């Protein structure tokens, strides 16, 4: 169970800190390298059977809330980019979150991360 004090606020503070530092650093590669990250903790997964030629499938055993939180943050960031018409950034951002149509062989496997309530 996440609480504001122990999980939400430290995560948001780190996102704010890194966002401001990236904006300030611009193209300064050394300044970007010097940024520290945020440790979310380990995510425990179980490998699921997959067909020949399909990517490996994993079921999250521990870490669902952390991954869901990141999905919501990524969705909000994408929405902001769409609203400010940051086309170049939006294209790069979208490529991090989904597989290209040619690589996914159709739209049913487009997303890299799927939420499901099914148990492994």
PDB file of N, CA and C in Angstrom:
ATOM      1  N   UNK A   1       0.843  -1.173   0.000  1.00  0.00           N
ATOM      2  CA  UNK A   1       0.000   0.000   0.000  1.00  0.00           C
ATOM      3  C   UNK A   1       0.892   1.242   0.000  1.00  0.00           C
ATOM      4  N   UNK A   2       0.727   2.078  -0.991  1.00  0.00           N
ATOM      5  CA  UNK A   2       1.514   3.305  -1.070  1.00  0.00           C
ATOM      6  C   UNK A   2       0.910   4.390  -0.206  1.00  0.00           C
ATOM      7  N   UNK A   3       1.783   5.175   0.414  1.00  0.00           N
ATOM      8  CA  UNK A   3       1.351   6.351   1.146  1.00  0.00           C
ATOM      9  C   UNK A   3       2.009   7.571   0.504  1.00  0.00           C
ATOM     10  N   UNK A   4       1.413   8.716   0.724  1.00  0.00           N
ATOM     11  CA  UNK A   4       1.978   9.938   0.137  1.00  0.00           C
ATOM     12  C   UNK A   4       3.382  10.203   0.680  1.00  0.00           C
ATOM     13  N   UNK A   5       3.540  10.070   1.974  1.00  0.00           N
ATOM     14  CA  UNK A   5       4.818  10.404   2.611  1.00  0.00           C
ATOM     15  C   UNK A   5       5.951   9.472   2.189  1.00  0.00           C
ATOM     16  N   UNK A   6       5.674   8.169   2.151  1.00  0.00           N
ATOM     17  CA  UNK A   6       6.746   7.202   1.901  1.00  0.00           C
ATOM     18  C   UNK A   6       6.998   6.892   0.429  1.00  0.00           C
ATOM     19  N   UNK A   7       5.976   6.995  -0.430  1.00  0.00           N
ATOM     20  CA  UNK A   7       6.164   6.625  -1.826  1.00  0.00           C
ATOM     21  C   UNK A   7       5.834   7.746  -2.805  1.00  0.00           C
ATOM     22  N   UNK A   8       4.626   8.293  -2.738  1.00  0.00           N
ATOM     23  CA  UNK A   8       4.187   9.270  -3.739  1.00  0.00           C
ATOM     24  C   UNK A   8       5.052  10.524  -3.755  1.00  0.00           C
ATOM     25  N   UNK A   9       5.239  11.126  -2.579  1.00  0.00           N
ATOM     26  CA  UNK A   9       5.968  12.396  -2.534  1.00  0.00           C
ATOM     27  C   UNK A   9       7.428  12.245  -2.956  1.00  0.00           C
ATOM     28  N   UNK A  10       8.164  11.224  -2.456  1.00  0.00           N
ATOM     29  CA  UNK A  10       9.543  11.063  -2.932  1.00  0.00           C
ATOM     30  C   UNK A  10       9.624  10.833  -4.444  1.00  0.00           C
ATOM     31  N   UNK A  11       8.701  10.051  -4.994  1.00  0.00           N
ATOM     32  CA  UNK A  11       8.693   9.822  -6.444  1.00  0.00           C
ATOM     33  C   UNK A  11       8.433  11.128  -7.184  1.00  0.00           C
ATOM     34  N   UNK A  12       7.424  11.876  -6.741  1.00  0.00           N
ATOM     35  CA  UNK A  12       7.093  13.138  -7.411  1.00  0.00           C
ATOM     36  C   UNK A  12       8.237  14.143  -7.283  1.00  0.00           C
ATOM     37  N   UNK A  13       8.870  14.201  -6.110  1.00  0.00           N
ATOM     38  CA  UNK A  13      10.012  15.101  -5.920  1.00  0.00           C
ATOM     39  C   UNK A  13      11.141  14.756  -6.884  1.00  0.00           C
ATOM     40  N   UNK A  14      11.409  13.461  -7.068  1.00  0.00           N
ATOM     41  CA  UNK A  14      12.464  13.041  -7.998  1.00  0.00           C
ATOM     42  C   UNK A  14      12.092  13.360  -9.446  1.00  0.00           C
ATOM     43  N   UNK A  15      10.835  13.150  -9.810  1.00  0.00           N
ATOM     44  CA  UNK A  15      10.394  13.472 -11.175  1.00  0.00           C
ATOM     45  C   UNK A  15      10.550  14.963 -11.427  1.00  0.00           C
ATOM     46  N   UNK A  16      10.142  15.766 -10.468  1.00  0.00           N
ATOM     47  CA  UNK A  16      10.264  17.221 -10.598  1.00  0.00           C
ATOM     48  C   UNK A  16      11.726  17.632 -10.705  1.00  0.00           C
ATOM     49  N   UNK A  17      12.571  17.079  -9.828  1.00  0.00           N
ATOM     50  CA  UNK A  17      13.989  17.413  -9.813  1.00  0.00           C
ATOM     51  C   UNK A  17      14.654  17.068 -11.143  1.00  0.00           C
ATOM     52  N   UNK A  18      14.407  15.859 -11.626  1.00  0.00           N
ATOM     53  CA  UNK A  18      15.035  15.429 -12.881  1.00  0.00           C
ATOM     54  C   UNK A  18      14.489  16.224 -14.055  1.00  0.00           C
ATOM     55  N   UNK A  19      13.189  16.476 -14.087  1.00  0.00           N
ATOM     56  CA  UNK A  19      12.599  17.257 -15.181  1.00  0.00           C
ATOM     57  C   UNK A  19      13.212  18.645 -15.258  1.00  0.00           C
ATOM     58  N   UNK A  20      13.324  19.299 -14.125  1.00  0.00           N
ATOM     59  CA  UNK A  20      13.913  20.638 -14.104  1.00  0.00           C
ATOM     60  C   UNK A  20      15.383  20.603 -14.496  1.00  0.00           C
ATOM     61  N   UNK A  21      16.111  19.582 -14.037  1.00  0.00           N
ATOM     62  CA  UNK A  21      17.531  19.468 -14.375  1.00  0.00           C
ATOM     63  C   UNK A  21      17.730  19.199 -15.862  1.00  0.00           C
ATOM     64  N   UNK A  22      16.878  18.350 -16.453  1.00  0.00           N
ATOM     65  CA  UNK A  22      16.972  18.059 -17.884  1.00  0.00           C
ATOM     66  C   UNK A  22      16.663  19.313 -18.679  1.00  0.00           C
ATOM     67  N   UNK A  23      15.660  20.043 -18.275  1.00  0.00           N
ATOM     68  CA  UNK A  23      15.301  21.288 -18.966  1.00  0.00           C
ATOM     69  C   UNK A  23      16.455  22.280 -18.894  1.00  0.00           C
ATOM     70  N   UNK A  24      17.065  22.402 -17.719  1.00  0.00           N
ATOM     71  CA  UNK A  24      18.176  23.333 -17.525  1.00  0.00           C
ATOM     72  C   UNK A  24      19.425  22.881 -18.288  1.00  0.00           C
ATOM     73  N   UNK A  25      19.706  21.584 -18.284  1.00  0.00           N
ATOM     74  CA  UNK A  25      20.924  21.055 -18.911  1.00  0.00           C
ATOM     75  C   UNK A  25      20.886  21.169 -20.429  1.00  0.00           C
ATOM     76  N   UNK A  26      19.710  21.077 -21.011  1.00  0.00           N
ATOM     77  CA  UNK A  26      19.616  21.140 -22.473  1.00  0.00           C
ATOM     78  C   UNK A  26      20.395  20.019 -23.121  1.00  0.00           C
ATOM     79  N   UNK A  27      21.414  20.360 -23.916  1.00  0.00           N
ATOM     80  CA  UNK A  27      22.233  19.359 -24.608  1.00  0.00           C
ATOM     81  C   UNK A  27      23.539  19.045 -23.885  1.00  0.00           C
ATOM     82  N   UNK A  28      23.694  19.482 -22.644  1.00  0.00           N
ATOM     83  CA  UNK A  28      24.920  19.253 -21.881  1.00  0.00           C
ATOM     84  C   UNK A  28      24.955  17.793 -21.400  1.00  0.00           C
ATOM     85  N   UNK A  29      25.669  16.956 -22.145  1.00  0.00           N
ATOM     86  CA  UNK A  29      25.713  15.517 -21.857  1.00  0.00           C
ATOM     87  C   UNK A  29      26.277  15.227 -20.470  1.00  0.00           C
ATOM     88  N   UNK A  30      27.272  15.981 -20.034  1.00  0.00           N
ATOM     89  CA  UNK A  30      27.875  15.757 -18.713  1.00  0.00           C
ATOM     90  C   UNK A  30      26.877  16.055 -17.596  1.00  0.00           C
ATOM     91  N   UNK A  31      26.124  17.122 -17.743  1.00  0.00           N
ATOM     92  CA  UNK A  31      25.120  17.462 -16.736  1.00  0.00           C
ATOM     93  C   UNK A  31      24.035  16.396 -16.680  1.00  0.00           C
ATOM     94  N   UNK A  32      23.651  15.868 -17.831  1.00  0.00           N
ATOM     95  CA  UNK A  32      22.627  14.819 -17.865  1.00  0.00           C
ATOM     96  C   UNK A  32      23.142  13.529 -17.234  1.00  0.00           C
ATOM     97  N   UNK A  33      24.424  13.210 -17.456  1.00  0.00           N
ATOM     98  CA  UNK A  33      25.017  12.002 -16.863  1.00  0.00           C
ATOM     99  C   UNK A  33      25.060  12.090 -15.345  1.00  0.00           C
ATOM    100  N   UNK A  34      25.227  13.301 -14.823  1.00  0.00           N
ATOM    101  CA  UNK A  34      25.381  13.502 -13.383  1.00  0.00           C
ATOM    102  C   UNK A  34      24.072  13.362 -12.611  1.00  0.00           C
ATOM    103  N   UNK A  35      22.953  13.299 -13.301  1.00  0.00           N
ATOM    104  CA  UNK A  35      21.657  13.192 -12.612  1.00  0.00           C
ATOM    105  C   UNK A  35      21.540  11.854 -11.905  1.00  0.00           C
ATOM    106  N   UNK A  36      21.058  11.891 -10.676  1.00  0.00           N
ATOM    107  CA  UNK A  36      20.806  10.636  -9.969  1.00  0.00           C
ATOM    108  C   UNK A  36      19.381  10.197 -10.255  1.00  0.00           C
ATOM    109  N   UNK A  37      19.132   8.910 -10.123  1.00  0.00           N
ATOM    110  CA  UNK A  37      17.820   8.354 -10.420  1.00  0.00           C
ATOM    111  C   UNK A  37      16.977   8.159  -9.176  1.00  0.00           C
ATOM    112  N   UNK A  38      15.890   7.456  -9.349  1.00  0.00           N
ATOM    113  CA  UNK A  38      14.968   7.146  -8.257  1.00  0.00           C
ATOM    114  C   UNK A  38      14.840   5.630  -8.193  1.00  0.00           C
ATOM    115  N   UNK A  39      15.079   5.037  -7.029  1.00  0.00           N
ATOM    116  CA  UNK A  39      14.970   3.592  -6.874  1.00  0.00           C
ATOM    117  C   UNK A  39      13.543   3.238  -6.489  1.00  0.00           C
ATOM    118  N   UNK A  40      12.852   2.529  -7.381  1.00  0.00           N
ATOM    119  CA  UNK A  40      11.469   2.134  -7.119  1.00  0.00           C
ATOM    120  C   UNK A  40      11.372   0.806  -6.376  1.00  0.00           C
ATOM    121  N   UNK A  41      12.448   0.082  -6.285  1.00  0.00           N
ATOM    122  CA  UNK A  41      12.412  -1.232  -5.671  1.00  0.00           C
ATOM    123  C   UNK A  41      12.354  -2.304  -6.741  1.00  0.00           C
ATOM    124  N   UNK A  42      12.534  -3.511  -6.315  1.00  0.00           N
ATOM    125  CA  UNK A  42      12.546  -4.638  -7.246  1.00  0.00           C
ATOM    126  C   UNK A  42      11.133  -4.982  -7.699  1.00  0.00           C
ATOM    127  N   UNK A  43      11.037  -5.454  -8.914  1.00  0.00           N
ATOM    128  CA  UNK A  43       9.783  -5.976  -9.453  1.00  0.00           C
ATOM    129  C   UNK A  43       9.993  -7.469  -9.643  1.00  0.00           C
ATOM    130  N   UNK A  44       9.106  -8.267  -9.068  1.00  0.00           N
ATOM    131  CA  UNK A  44       9.210  -9.725  -9.165  1.00  0.00           C
ATOM    132  C   UNK A  44       8.267 -10.199 -10.266  1.00  0.00           C
ATOM    133  N   UNK A  45       8.806 -10.972 -11.202  1.00  0.00           N
ATOM    134  CA  UNK A  45       8.008 -11.460 -12.328  1.00  0.00           C
ATOM    135  C   UNK A  45       8.130 -12.973 -12.463  1.00  0.00           C
ATOM    136  N   UNK A  46       7.162 -13.549 -13.152  1.00  0.00           N
ATOM    137  CA  UNK A  46       7.174 -14.978 -13.469  1.00  0.00           C
ATOM    138  C   UNK A  46       7.049 -15.095 -14.979  1.00  0.00           C
ATOM    139  N   UNK A  47       7.933 -15.889 -15.595  1.00  0.00           N
ATOM    140  CA  UNK A  47       7.865 -16.060 -17.035  1.00  0.00           C
ATOM    141  C   UNK A  47       6.678 -16.951 -17.394  1.00  0.00           C
ATOM    142  N   UNK A  48       5.928 -16.519 -18.417  1.00  0.00           N
ATOM    143  CA  UNK A  48       4.775 -17.269 -18.901  1.00  0.00           C
ATOM    144  C   UNK A  48       5.133 -17.937 -20.220  1.00  0.00           C
ATOM    145  N   UNK A  49       4.447 -19.006 -20.560  1.00  0.00           N
ATOM    146  CA  UNK A  49       4.721 -19.645 -21.845  1.00  0.00           C
ATOM    147  C   UNK A  49       4.349 -18.713 -22.996  1.00  0.00           C
ATOM    148  N   UNK A  50       5.135 -18.752 -24.047  1.00  0.00           N
ATOM    149  CA  UNK A  50       4.837 -17.947 -25.235  1.00  0.00           C
ATOM    150  C   UNK A  50       5.120 -18.788 -26.469  1.00  0.00           C
ATOM    151  N   UNK A  51       4.466 -18.407 -27.559  1.00  0.00           N
ATOM    152  CA  UNK A  51       4.614 -19.144 -28.804  1.00  0.00           C
ATOM    153  C   UNK A  51       5.960 -18.886 -29.463  1.00  0.00           C
ATOM    154  N   UNK A  52       6.303 -19.749 -30.390  1.00  0.00           N
ATOM    155  CA  UNK A  52       7.547 -19.592 -31.139  1.00  0.00           C
ATOM    156  C   UNK A  52       7.520 -18.269 -31.893  1.00  0.00           C
ATOM    157  N   UNK A  53       8.593 -17.512 -31.784  1.00  0.00           N
ATOM    158  CA  UNK A  53       8.685 -16.237 -32.475  1.00  0.00           C
ATOM    159  C   UNK A  53       8.060 -15.083 -31.728  1.00  0.00           C
ATOM    160  N   UNK A  54       7.296 -15.353 -30.675  1.00  0.00           N
ATOM    161  CA  UNK A  54       6.698 -14.284 -29.877  1.00  0.00           C
ATOM    162  C   UNK A  54       7.692 -13.820 -28.820  1.00  0.00           C
ATOM    163  N   UNK A  55       7.587 -12.568 -28.394  1.00  0.00           N
ATOM    164  CA  UNK A  55       8.474 -12.111 -27.318  1.00  0.00           C
ATOM    165  C   UNK A  55       8.127 -12.815 -26.017  1.00  0.00           C
ATOM    166  N   UNK A  56       9.095 -12.863 -25.115  1.00  0.00           N
ATOM    167  CA  UNK A  56       8.856 -13.487 -23.814  1.00  0.00           C
ATOM    168  C   UNK A  56       7.729 -12.744 -23.097  1.00  0.00           C
ATOM    169  N   UNK A  57       6.887 -13.497 -22.416  1.00  0.00           N
ATOM    170  CA  UNK A  57       5.790 -12.911 -21.649  1.00  0.00           C
ATOM    171  C   UNK A  57       6.071 -13.112 -20.175  1.00  0.00           C
ATOM    172  N   UNK A  58       5.843 -12.067 -19.393  1.00  0.00           N
ATOM    173  CA  UNK A  58       6.076 -12.115 -17.960  1.00  0.00           C
ATOM    174  C   UNK A  58       4.831 -11.659 -17.223  1.00  0.00           C
ATOM    175  N   UNK A  59       4.586 -12.259 -16.079  1.00  0.00           N
ATOM    176  CA  UNK A  59       3.495 -11.833 -15.209  1.00  0.00           C
ATOM    177  C   UNK A  59       4.118 -11.205 -13.973  1.00  0.00           C
ATOM    178  N   UNK A  60       3.641 -10.032 -13.579  1.00  0.00           N
ATOM    179  CA  UNK A  60       4.191  -9.329 -12.416  1.00  0.00           C
ATOM    180  C   UNK A  60       3.606  -9.932 -11.147  1.00  0.00           C
ATOM    181  N   UNK A  61       4.475 -10.420 -10.286  1.00  0.00           N
ATOM    182  CA  UNK A  61       4.066 -10.999  -9.009  1.00  0.00           C
ATOM    183  C   UNK A  61       4.070  -9.915  -7.929  1.00  0.00           C
ATOM    184  N   UNK A  62       5.117  -9.091  -7.923  1.00  0.00           N
ATOM    185  CA  UNK A  62       5.215  -7.991  -6.957  1.00  0.00           C
ATOM    186  C   UNK A  62       5.709  -6.753  -7.701  1.00  0.00           C
ATOM    187  N   UNK A  63       4.990  -5.653  -7.574  1.00  0.00           N
ATOM    188  CA  UNK A  63       5.387  -4.410  -8.225  1.00  0.00           C
ATOM    189  C   UNK A  63       4.293  -3.832  -9.095  1.00  0.00           C
ATOM    190  N   UNK A  64       3.087  -4.424  -9.039  1.00  0.00           N
ATOM    191  CA  UNK A  64       1.987  -3.959  -9.881  1.00  0.00           C
ATOM    192  C   UNK A  64       1.669  -2.489  -9.637  1.00  0.00           C
ATOM    193  N   UNK A  65       1.623  -2.065  -8.390  1.00  0.00           N
ATOM    194  CA  UNK A  65       1.249  -0.679  -8.096  1.00  0.00           C
ATOM    195  C   UNK A  65       2.310   0.288  -8.608  1.00  0.00           C
ATOM    196  N   UNK A  66       3.580  -0.078  -8.471  1.00  0.00           N
ATOM    197  CA  UNK A  66       4.642   0.791  -8.979  1.00  0.00           C
ATOM    198  C   UNK A  66       4.564   0.917 -10.495  1.00  0.00           C
ATOM    199  N   UNK A  67       4.348  -0.187 -11.173  1.00  0.00           N
ATOM    200  CA  UNK A  67       4.252  -0.139 -12.637  1.00  0.00           C
ATOM    201  C   UNK A  67       3.005   0.611 -13.091  1.00  0.00           C
ATOM    202  N   UNK A  68       1.904   0.434 -12.389  1.00  0.00           N
ATOM    203  CA  UNK A  68       0.675   1.156 -12.730  1.00  0.00           C
ATOM    204  C   UNK A  68       0.877   2.654 -12.533  1.00  0.00           C
ATOM    205  N   UNK A  69       1.537   3.036 -11.452  1.00  0.00           N
ATOM    206  CA  UNK A  69       1.821   4.447 -11.204  1.00  0.00           C
ATOM    207  C   UNK A  69       2.656   5.029 -12.346  1.00  0.00           C
ATOM    208  N   UNK A  70       3.669   4.306 -12.772  1.00  0.00           N
ATOM    209  CA  UNK A  70       4.506   4.790 -13.874  1.00  0.00           C
ATOM    210  C   UNK A  70       3.717   4.876 -15.175  1.00  0.00           C
ATOM    211  N   UNK A  71       2.824   3.918 -15.406  1.00  0.00           N
ATOM    212  CA  UNK A  71       1.979   3.979 -16.610  1.00  0.00           C
ATOM    213  C   UNK A  71       1.119   5.242 -16.599  1.00  0.00           C
ATOM    214  N   UNK A  72       0.543   5.563 -15.449  1.00  0.00           N
ATOM    215  CA  UNK A  72      -0.289   6.762 -15.341  1.00  0.00           C
ATOM    216  C   UNK A  72       0.543   8.031 -15.554  1.00  0.00           C
ATOM    217  N   UNK A  73       1.746   8.053 -15.009  1.00  0.00           N
ATOM    218  CA  UNK A  73       2.625   9.206 -15.216  1.00  0.00           C
ATOM    219  C   UNK A  73       3.028   9.348 -16.689  1.00  0.00           C
ATOM    220  N   UNK A  74       3.332   8.220 -17.336  1.00  0.00           N
ATOM    221  CA  UNK A  74       3.684   8.252 -18.757  1.00  0.00           C
ATOM    222  C   UNK A  74       2.503   8.712 -19.603  1.00  0.00           C
ATOM    223  N   UNK A  75       1.299   8.254 -19.257  1.00  0.00           N
ATOM    224  CA  UNK A  75       0.102   8.666 -19.979  1.00  0.00           C
ATOM    225  C   UNK A  75      -0.125  10.167 -19.837  1.00  0.00           C
ATOM    226  N   UNK A  76       0.070  10.680 -18.624  1.00  0.00           N
ATOM    227  CA  UNK A  76      -0.082  12.121 -18.387  1.00  0.00           C
ATOM    228  C   UNK A  76       0.972  12.909 -19.163  1.00  0.00           C
ATOM    229  N   UNK A  77       2.207  12.416 -19.188  1.00  0.00           N
ATOM    230  CA  UNK A  77       3.267  13.098 -19.938  1.00  0.00           C
ATOM    231  C   UNK A  77       2.952  13.121 -21.427  1.00  0.00           C
ATOM    232  N   UNK A  78       2.435  12.012 -21.944  1.00  0.00           N
ATOM    233  CA  UNK A  78       2.070  11.956 -23.364  1.00  0.00           C
ATOM    234  C   UNK A  78       0.955  12.958 -23.664  1.00  0.00           C
ATOM    235  N   UNK A  79      -0.022  13.048 -22.792  1.00  0.00           N
ATOM    236  CA  UNK A  79      -1.125  13.995 -22.977  1.00  0.00           C
ATOM    237  C   UNK A  79      -0.610  15.438 -22.995  1.00  0.00           C
ATOM    238  N   UNK A  80       0.292  15.759 -22.084  1.00  0.00           N
ATOM    239  CA  UNK A  80       0.856  17.111 -22.052  1.00  0.00           C
ATOM    240  C   UNK A  80       1.600  17.401 -23.361  1.00  0.00           C
ATOM    241  N   UNK A  81       2.376  16.430 -23.841  1.00  0.00           N
ATOM    242  CA  UNK A  81       3.094  16.634 -25.104  1.00  0.00           C
ATOM    243  C   UNK A  81       2.131  16.851 -26.265  1.00  0.00           C
ATOM    244  N   UNK A  82       1.023  16.131 -26.258  1.00  0.00           N
ATOM    245  CA  UNK A  82       0.021  16.316 -27.311  1.00  0.00           C
ATOM    246  C   UNK A  82      -0.588  17.712 -27.229  1.00  0.00           C
ATOM    247  N   UNK A  83      -0.852  18.184 -26.014  1.00  0.00           N
ATOM    248  CA  UNK A  83      -1.475  19.491 -25.828  1.00  0.00           C
ATOM    249  C   UNK A  83      -0.552  20.638 -26.231  1.00  0.00           C
ATOM    250  N   UNK A  84       0.743  20.479 -26.020  1.00  0.00           N
ATOM    251  CA  UNK A  84       1.684  21.541 -26.377  1.00  0.00           C
ATOM    252  C   UNK A  84       2.304  21.307 -27.750  1.00  0.00           C
ATOM    253  N   UNK A  85       1.789  20.333 -28.466  1.00  0.00           N
ATOM    254  CA  UNK A  85       2.249  19.951 -29.815  1.00  0.00           C
ATOM    255  C   UNK A  85       3.759  19.772 -29.899  1.00  0.00           C
ATOM    256  N   UNK A  86       4.303  19.025 -28.965  1.00  0.00           N
ATOM    257  CA  UNK A  86       5.724  18.680 -28.964  1.00  0.00           C
ATOM    258  C   UNK A  86       5.906  17.435 -29.831  1.00  0.00           C
ATOM    259  N   UNK A  87       5.738  17.595 -31.131  1.00  0.00           N
ATOM    260  CA  UNK A  87       5.682  16.467 -32.060  1.00  0.00           C
ATOM    261  C   UNK A  87       6.913  15.572 -31.989  1.00  0.00           C
ATOM    262  N   UNK A  88       8.091  16.162 -32.019  1.00  0.00           N
ATOM    263  CA  UNK A  88       9.319  15.355 -32.011  1.00  0.00           C
ATOM    264  C   UNK A  88       9.437  14.572 -30.707  1.00  0.00           C
ATOM    265  N   UNK A  89       9.208  15.226 -29.589  1.00  0.00           N
ATOM    266  CA  UNK A  89       9.272  14.557 -28.289  1.00  0.00           C
ATOM    267  C   UNK A  89       8.197  13.479 -28.175  1.00  0.00           C
ATOM    268  N   UNK A  90       7.009  13.778 -28.701  1.00  0.00           N
ATOM    269  CA  UNK A  90       5.911  12.824 -28.623  1.00  0.00           C
ATOM    270  C   UNK A  90       6.233  11.556 -29.412  1.00  0.00           C
ATOM    271  N   UNK A  91       6.820  11.714 -30.595  1.00  0.00           N
ATOM    272  CA  UNK A  91       7.199  10.544 -31.393  1.00  0.00           C
ATOM    273  C   UNK A  91       8.209   9.680 -30.656  1.00  0.00           C
ATOM    274  N   UNK A  92       9.232  10.304 -30.073  1.00  0.00           N
ATOM    275  CA  UNK A  92      10.253   9.560 -29.326  1.00  0.00           C
ATOM    276  C   UNK A  92       9.626   8.882 -28.118  1.00  0.00           C
ATOM    277  N   UNK A  93       8.787   9.597 -27.417  1.00  0.00           N
ATOM    278  CA  UNK A  93       8.135   9.078 -26.224  1.00  0.00           C
ATOM    279  C   UNK A  93       7.266   7.868 -26.578  1.00  0.00           C
ATOM    280  N   UNK A  94       6.491   7.984 -27.640  1.00  0.00           N
ATOM    281  CA  UNK A  94       5.613   6.894 -28.066  1.00  0.00           C
ATOM    282  C   UNK A  94       6.420   5.655 -28.435  1.00  0.00           C
ATOM    283  N   UNK A  95       7.587   5.847 -29.045  1.00  0.00           N
ATOM    284  CA  UNK A  95       8.407   4.699 -29.433  1.00  0.00           C
ATOM    285  C   UNK A  95       8.941   3.954 -28.212  1.00  0.00           C
ATOM    286  N   UNK A  96       9.114   4.655 -27.079  1.00  0.00           N
ATOM    287  CA  UNK A  96       9.563   3.980 -25.866  1.00  0.00           C
ATOM    288  C   UNK A  96       8.459   3.118 -25.277  1.00  0.00           C
ATOM    289  N   UNK A  97       7.207   3.497 -25.516  1.00  0.00           N
ATOM    290  CA  UNK A  97       6.074   2.835 -24.864  1.00  0.00           C
ATOM    291  C   UNK A  97       5.389   1.786 -25.725  1.00  0.00           C
ATOM    292  N   UNK A  98       5.638   1.792 -27.025  1.00  0.00           N
ATOM    293  CA  UNK A  98       4.978   0.812 -27.884  1.00  0.00           C
ATOM    294  C   UNK A  98       5.932   0.306 -28.957  1.00  0.00           C
ATOM    295  N   UNK A  99       5.592  -0.829 -29.492  1.00  0.00           N
ATOM    296  CA  UNK A  99       6.381  -1.467 -30.535  1.00  0.00           C
ATOM    297  C   UNK A  99       5.891  -0.969 -31.891  1.00  0.00           C
ATOM    298  N   UNK A 100       6.794  -0.860 -32.852  1.00  0.00           N
ATOM    299  CA  UNK A 100       6.367  -0.428 -34.174  1.00  0.00           C
ATOM    300  C   UNK A 100       5.412  -1.451 -34.771  1.00  0.00           C
ATOM    301  N   UNK A 101       4.544  -1.000 -35.650  1.00  0.00           N
ATOM    302  CA  UNK A 101       3.553  -1.888 -36.256  1.00  0.00           C
ATOM    303  C   UNK A 101       4.231  -3.057 -36.974  1.00  0.00           C
ATOM    304  N   UNK A 102       5.337  -2.801 -37.686  1.00  0.00           N
ATOM    305  CA  UNK A 102       6.001  -3.877 -38.420  1.00  0.00           C
ATOM    306  C   UNK A 102       6.601  -4.896 -37.464  1.00  0.00           C
ATOM    307  N   UNK A 103       7.125  -4.438 -36.320  1.00  0.00           N
ATOM    308  CA  UNK A 103       7.715  -5.364 -35.362  1.00  0.00           C
ATOM    309  C   UNK A 103       6.649  -6.155 -34.622  1.00  0.00           C
ATOM    310  N   UNK A 104       5.458  -5.601 -34.485  1.00  0.00           N
ATOM    311  CA  UNK A 104       4.425  -6.274 -33.703  1.00  0.00           C
ATOM    312  C   UNK A 104       3.511  -7.147 -34.551  1.00  0.00           C
ATOM    313  N   UNK A 105       3.677  -7.090 -35.870  1.00  0.00           N
ATOM    314  CA  UNK A 105       2.846  -7.881 -36.792  1.00  0.00           C
ATOM    315  C   UNK A 105       1.362  -7.617 -36.567  1.00  0.00           C
ATOM    316  N   UNK A 106       0.988  -6.360 -36.459  1.00  0.00           N
ATOM    317  CA  UNK A 106      -0.423  -6.004 -36.265  1.00  0.00           C
ATOM    318  C   UNK A 106      -0.600  -5.212 -34.991  1.00  0.00           C
ATOM    319  N   UNK A 107      -1.823  -4.819 -34.739  1.00  0.00           N
ATOM    320  CA  UNK A 107      -2.065  -3.947 -33.593  1.00  0.00           C
ATOM    321  C   UNK A 107      -2.277  -4.697 -32.286  1.00  0.00           C
ATOM    322  N   UNK A 108      -2.557  -5.999 -32.319  1.00  0.00           N
ATOM    323  CA  UNK A 108      -2.880  -6.699 -31.081  1.00  0.00           C
ATOM    324  C   UNK A 108      -1.681  -6.811 -30.141  1.00  0.00           C
ATOM    325  N   UNK A 109      -0.452  -6.665 -30.642  1.00  0.00           N
ATOM    326  CA  UNK A 109       0.731  -6.768 -29.789  1.00  0.00           C
ATOM    327  C   UNK A 109       1.524  -5.469 -29.794  1.00  0.00           C
ATOM    328  N   UNK A 110       0.839  -4.360 -30.020  1.00  0.00           N
ATOM    329  CA  UNK A 110       1.521  -3.084 -30.160  1.00  0.00           C
ATOM    330  C   UNK A 110       2.158  -2.601 -28.862  1.00  0.00           C
ATOM    331  N   UNK A 111       1.467  -2.744 -27.738  1.00  0.00           N
ATOM    332  CA  UNK A 111       1.976  -2.200 -26.491  1.00  0.00           C
ATOM    333  C   UNK A 111       2.976  -3.144 -25.844  1.00  0.00           C
ATOM    334  N   UNK A 112       3.980  -2.570 -25.201  1.00  0.00           N
ATOM    335  CA  UNK A 112       5.026  -3.353 -24.560  1.00  0.00           C
ATOM    336  C   UNK A 112       4.620  -3.826 -23.168  1.00  0.00           C
ATOM    337  N   UNK A 113       3.660  -3.151 -22.571  1.00  0.00           N
ATOM    338  CA  UNK A 113       3.224  -3.484 -21.222  1.00  0.00           C
ATOM    339  C   UNK A 113       1.711  -3.488 -21.195  1.00  0.00           C
ATOM    340  N   UNK A 114       1.136  -4.589 -20.729  1.00  0.00           N
ATOM    341  CA  UNK A 114      -0.323  -4.732 -20.665  1.00  0.00           C
ATOM    342  C   UNK A 114      -0.726  -4.956 -19.223  1.00  0.00           C
ATOM    343  N   UNK A 115      -1.800  -4.297 -18.805  1.00  0.00           N
ATOM    344  CA  UNK A 115      -2.348  -4.564 -17.482  1.00  0.00           C
ATOM    345  C   UNK A 115      -3.379  -5.672 -17.614  1.00  0.00           C
ATOM    346  N   UNK A 116      -3.377  -6.560 -16.651  1.00  0.00           N
ATOM    347  CA  UNK A 116      -4.348  -7.633 -16.645  1.00  0.00           C
ATOM    348  C   UNK A 116      -4.632  -8.041 -15.211  1.00  0.00           C
ATOM    349  N   UNK A 117      -5.807  -8.565 -14.978  1.00  0.00           N
ATOM    350  CA  UNK A 117      -6.135  -9.035 -13.632  1.00  0.00           C
ATOM    351  C   UNK A 117      -5.949 -10.541 -13.528  1.00  0.00           C
ATOM    352  N   UNK A 118      -5.555 -11.175 -14.637  1.00  0.00           N
ATOM    353  CA  UNK A 118      -5.346 -12.628 -14.623  1.00  0.00           C
ATOM    354  C   UNK A 118      -4.162 -12.995 -13.762  1.00  0.00           C
ATOM    355  N   UNK A 119      -4.269 -14.075 -13.051  1.00  0.00           N
ATOM    356  CA  UNK A 119      -3.177 -14.604 -12.235  1.00  0.00           C
ATOM    357  C   UNK A 119      -2.358 -15.569 -13.074  1.00  0.00           C
ATOM    358  N   UNK A 120      -1.030 -15.642 -12.810  1.00  0.00           N
ATOM    359  CA  UNK A 120      -0.178 -16.570 -13.579  1.00  0.00           C
ATOM    360  C   UNK A 120      -0.535 -18.009 -13.296  1.00  0.00           C
TER     361      UNK A 120
END
